[in-house]
Amino acid sequence: MMSALHLEHRNDVYILHFDHGARNNTLDDAVVDEFNAALDQIEGTTGNAALLITSDDAKFWCNGIDLDYIKTRGMSYLVTHFVHRLDQLLLRLALLDLPTVASIGGHAYGGGALLASACDFRTMRSDRGYFCFPEVDIRLPFTDIMTRIVELLPDERARRELALTGRPMGGAEAAARGVVDAAFGAEDLFEHAFAMAATLAGKDRATYAAIKHALRRSLHPLLDPARR
């Protein structure tokens, strides 16, 4: 089976690449397994570091849940199994014990936008790609955990509009409205995102994690007991 992700370690920055453009970098059980394995590897390290999440596909950063995959198993599978797994991955990423940066070089839809929201910081391509929560239009309400993740976005008006209208937001607008921290042209995006991650990697890991966990303390009770 082709790997959907690969993890690179460059100096003090771990770079997690979405690498399955043939499937629009969508999420299924195998991808969640790979994502968790990468986080296992990072959490098993010591010393200052940061995580940068990027995509090797120019069109899609992450296009959310693989609905074709879900259809082969039935919607009950989505509700009773997969959504819980995605929820726990979102919480784990949101509480990872080091700085996290999303470098959004293409579309981030649904579960992809949620993964980006779980990161501490976001950069986005200014001229191509959309940030979008389409759940209101595809009749898939947010879970309580997904709602908490959306609420991590700093601008209340922007996140309310995104969640309630399903309107795609381009990178320049997303930056202007605080959904992402900055937007850059395609040729500059990764360089700037990596520089941000490298700067954050210089922070004391334990101190950074303590501050982040304090800011996000309401998420802790939602984790599976084994990860608290």
Protein backbone atom coordinates (compact mmCIF):
# COMPACT_ATOMS: atom_id res chain seq x y z
CA MET A 1 0.00 0.00 0.00
CA MET A 2 1.30 3.46 -0.91
CA SER A 3 2.21 5.68 2.00
CA ALA A 4 0.08 8.80 2.34
CA LEU A 5 2.49 10.69 4.61
CA HIS A 6 6.19 10.91 5.18
CA LEU A 7 8.12 12.48 8.02
CA GLU A 8 11.34 14.41 7.53
CA HIS A 9 13.63 15.78 10.25
CA ARG A 10 15.51 18.94 9.30
CA ASN A 11 17.58 20.48 12.09
CA ASP A 12 15.06 20.97 14.92
CA VAL A 13 11.97 20.90 12.69
CA TYR A 14 9.95 17.79 11.95
CA ILE A 15 8.25 18.15 8.56
CA LEU A 16 5.19 15.97 8.01
CA HIS A 17 4.31 15.83 4.32
CA PHE A 18 0.91 14.87 2.95
CA ASP A 19 2.03 12.79 -0.01
CA HIS A 20 -1.05 11.19 -1.56
CA GLY A 21 -2.27 13.69 -4.11
CA ALA A 22 -3.87 10.91 -6.17
CA ARG A 23 -6.47 10.72 -3.37
CA ASN A 24 -6.53 14.49 -2.80
CA ASN A 25 -4.71 13.91 0.49
CA THR A 26 -7.94 12.67 2.06
CA LEU A 27 -8.27 10.94 5.41
CA ASP A 28 -9.12 7.28 5.98
CA ASP A 29 -8.14 4.79 8.67
CA ALA A 30 -4.74 4.09 7.13
CA VAL A 31 -3.91 7.80 6.95
CA VAL A 32 -4.98 8.30 10.57
CA ASP A 33 -2.73 5.37 11.50
CA GLU A 34 0.20 6.98 9.67
CA PHE A 35 -0.47 10.36 11.27
CA ASN A 36 -0.54 8.82 14.74
CA ALA A 37 2.65 6.88 14.02
CA ALA A 38 4.39 10.13 13.05
CA LEU A 39 3.18 11.78 16.26
CA ASP A 40 4.37 8.74 18.23
CA GLN A 41 7.82 9.23 16.74
CA ILE A 42 7.87 12.95 17.53
CA GLU A 43 6.54 12.50 21.06
CA GLY A 44 9.24 9.90 21.68
CA THR A 45 11.96 12.52 21.24
CA THR A 46 13.43 14.94 23.72
CA GLY A 47 14.83 18.42 23.23
CA ASN A 48 13.44 21.52 21.58
CA ALA A 49 11.65 20.99 18.28
CA ALA A 50 8.67 22.03 16.16
CA LEU A 51 6.35 20.30 13.72
CA LEU A 52 5.57 21.71 10.26
CA ILE A 53 2.74 20.07 8.29
CA THR A 54 2.87 20.58 4.54
CA SER A 55 1.74 18.90 1.32
CA ASP A 56 3.68 17.71 -1.68
CA ASP A 57 0.58 18.24 -3.85
CA ALA A 58 0.10 21.68 -5.39
CA LYS A 59 -3.71 21.51 -5.36
CA PHE A 60 -4.69 19.84 -2.09
CA TRP A 61 -3.22 20.28 1.38
CA CYS A 62 -5.83 17.95 2.86
CA ASN A 63 -9.30 17.47 1.42
CA GLY A 64 -10.85 16.02 4.56
CA ILE A 65 -12.50 12.65 5.07
CA ASP A 66 -12.31 10.24 2.13
CA LEU A 67 -16.05 9.94 1.52
CA ASP A 68 -15.58 7.24 -1.13
CA TYR A 69 -13.81 5.16 1.50
CA ILE A 70 -16.63 5.78 3.97
CA LYS A 71 -19.30 4.86 1.40
CA THR A 72 -17.75 1.41 1.01
CA ARG A 73 -18.30 0.85 4.75
CA GLY A 74 -21.55 2.73 5.29
CA MET A 75 -22.42 5.93 7.08
CA SER A 76 -22.84 4.08 10.37
CA TYR A 77 -19.11 3.33 10.18
CA LEU A 78 -18.42 7.04 9.92
CA VAL A 79 -20.56 7.83 12.96
CA THR A 80 -19.60 4.91 15.21
CA HIS A 81 -15.93 4.50 14.34
CA PHE A 82 -14.13 6.92 12.10
CA VAL A 83 -15.35 10.22 13.55
CA HIS A 84 -14.11 9.18 16.99
CA ARG A 85 -10.69 8.36 15.55
CA LEU A 86 -10.52 11.72 13.78
CA ASP A 87 -11.66 13.53 16.92
CA GLN A 88 -8.87 11.97 18.95
CA LEU A 89 -6.27 12.78 16.29
CA LEU A 90 -7.41 16.42 16.30
CA LEU A 91 -7.11 16.58 20.09
CA ARG A 92 -3.72 14.92 20.03
CA LEU A 93 -2.41 17.41 17.47
CA ALA A 94 -3.92 20.35 19.36
CA LEU A 95 -2.14 19.26 22.54
CA LEU A 96 1.16 18.12 21.02
CA ASP A 97 3.98 19.09 23.38
CA LEU A 98 5.81 21.34 20.91
CA PRO A 99 5.01 24.14 18.44
CA THR A 100 2.99 23.19 15.36
CA VAL A 101 2.69 25.10 12.09
CA ALA A 102 0.49 24.31 9.08
CA SER A 103 1.86 25.31 5.68
CA ILE A 104 -1.33 25.23 3.59
CA GLY A 105 -0.28 25.16 -0.03
CA GLY A 106 -3.62 23.99 -1.45
CA HIS A 107 -7.20 23.32 -0.46
CA ALA A 108 -7.91 22.56 3.20
CA TYR A 109 -11.49 21.31 3.36
CA GLY A 110 -13.48 19.70 6.16
CA GLY A 111 -11.21 17.46 8.17
CA GLY A 112 -8.23 19.14 6.53
CA ALA A 113 -9.36 22.56 7.76
CA LEU A 114 -9.87 21.01 11.20
CA LEU A 115 -6.31 19.66 11.22
CA ALA A 116 -5.05 23.12 10.30
CA SER A 117 -7.18 24.66 13.05
CA ALA A 118 -5.64 22.28 15.59
CA CYS A 119 -2.17 23.65 14.80
CA ASP A 120 -0.76 26.56 16.79
CA PHE A 121 -0.05 28.65 13.69
CA ARG A 122 -1.11 28.57 10.05
CA THR A 123 0.37 29.96 6.85
CA MET A 124 -1.37 29.70 3.50
CA ARG A 125 -0.78 30.24 -0.16
CA SER A 126 -2.20 33.64 -1.08
CA ASP A 127 -3.20 33.02 -4.68
CA ARG A 128 -4.57 29.48 -4.80
CA GLY A 129 -6.44 27.12 -2.52
CA TYR A 130 -9.31 27.52 -0.10
CA PHE A 131 -9.89 27.04 3.61
CA CYS A 132 -13.40 25.67 4.04
CA PHE A 133 -15.74 23.92 6.47
CA PRO A 134 -18.30 22.38 4.06
CA GLU A 135 -20.06 20.35 6.76
CA VAL A 136 -23.16 22.59 6.75
CA ASP A 137 -23.67 21.81 3.04
CA ILE A 138 -22.95 18.07 3.15
CA ARG A 139 -25.11 17.44 6.23
CA LEU A 140 -22.31 16.37 8.56
CA PRO A 141 -22.59 18.40 11.77
CA PHE A 142 -19.46 19.00 13.83
CA THR A 143 -18.96 16.79 16.84
CA ASP A 144 -18.42 18.50 20.18
CA ILE A 145 -14.68 17.97 19.77
CA MET A 146 -14.64 19.39 16.25
CA THR A 147 -16.49 22.44 17.54
CA ARG A 148 -13.79 22.93 20.19
CA ILE A 149 -11.15 22.69 17.47
CA VAL A 150 -12.92 25.29 15.31
CA GLU A 151 -13.01 27.54 18.38
CA LEU A 152 -9.19 27.50 18.45
CA LEU A 153 -9.25 29.83 15.44
CA PRO A 154 -8.60 33.26 16.92
CA ASP A 155 -11.21 35.40 15.14
CA GLU A 156 -14.74 34.63 16.38
CA ARG A 157 -16.55 36.33 13.48
CA ALA A 158 -14.47 34.55 10.85
CA ARG A 159 -14.83 31.11 12.39
CA ARG A 160 -18.60 31.61 12.82
CA GLU A 161 -18.94 32.57 9.17
CA LEU A 162 -16.81 29.65 8.02
CA ALA A 163 -18.77 27.15 10.11
CA LEU A 164 -22.29 28.42 9.37
CA THR A 165 -22.01 29.29 5.68
CA GLY A 166 -19.57 26.72 4.30
CA ARG A 167 -18.09 29.49 2.14
CA PRO A 168 -14.54 28.77 0.93
CA MET A 169 -12.02 31.42 1.98
CA GLY A 170 -8.89 32.09 -0.05
CA GLY A 171 -5.50 32.63 1.51
CA ALA A 172 -5.35 36.42 1.23
CA GLU A 173 -8.75 36.82 2.86
CA ALA A 174 -7.96 34.17 5.46
CA ALA A 175 -4.84 36.11 6.45
CA ALA A 176 -6.71 39.41 6.55
CA ARG A 177 -9.35 37.91 8.84
CA GLY A 178 -7.00 36.05 11.15
CA VAL A 179 -7.90 32.52 10.07
CA VAL A 180 -4.26 32.05 9.10
CA ASP A 181 -1.33 34.04 10.43
CA ALA A 182 0.13 34.95 7.04
CA ALA A 183 -0.29 34.28 3.32
CA PHE A 184 2.48 34.08 0.74
CA GLY A 185 2.97 33.31 -2.93
CA ALA A 186 3.59 29.71 -3.90
CA GLU A 187 7.34 30.20 -4.26
CA ASP A 188 7.69 31.69 -0.77
CA LEU A 189 5.17 29.78 1.33
CA PHE A 190 7.26 26.85 2.49
CA GLU A 191 10.33 28.97 3.17
CA HIS A 192 8.36 31.33 5.43
CA ALA A 193 6.50 28.50 7.15
CA PHE A 194 9.74 26.65 7.79
CA ALA A 195 11.35 29.82 9.16
CA MET A 196 8.42 30.25 11.54
CA ALA A 197 8.71 26.65 12.69
CA ALA A 198 12.48 26.94 13.10
CA THR A 199 12.08 30.06 15.25
CA LEU A 200 9.47 28.35 17.43
CA ALA A 201 11.72 25.30 17.72
CA GLY A 202 14.11 27.50 19.68
CA LYS A 203 11.58 27.84 22.51
CA ASP A 204 12.03 25.63 25.55
CA ARG A 205 9.82 22.65 24.77
CA ALA A 206 8.56 22.02 28.30
CA THR A 207 7.71 25.67 28.89
CA TYR A 208 5.97 26.02 25.52
CA ALA A 209 3.95 22.87 26.15
CA ALA A 210 2.93 24.02 29.63
CA ILE A 211 1.66 27.36 28.30
CA LYS A 212 -0.16 25.74 25.37
CA HIS A 213 -1.81 23.15 27.59
CA ALA A 214 -2.91 25.85 30.02
CA LEU A 215 -4.47 27.83 27.17
CA ARG A 216 -6.21 24.67 25.93
CA ARG A 217 -6.98 23.03 29.28
CA SER A 218 -10.63 22.50 28.32
CA LEU A 219 -9.50 19.95 25.72
CA HIS A 220 -7.80 17.60 28.19
CA PRO A 221 -10.94 15.93 29.57
CA LEU A 222 -11.96 15.04 26.00
CA LEU A 223 -8.89 12.91 25.34
CA ASP A 224 -9.03 9.14 25.63
CA PRO A 225 -7.90 8.29 29.18
CA ALA A 226 -4.74 6.57 27.89
CA ARG A 227 -3.51 9.88 26.42
CA ARG A 228 -4.29 12.24 29.29
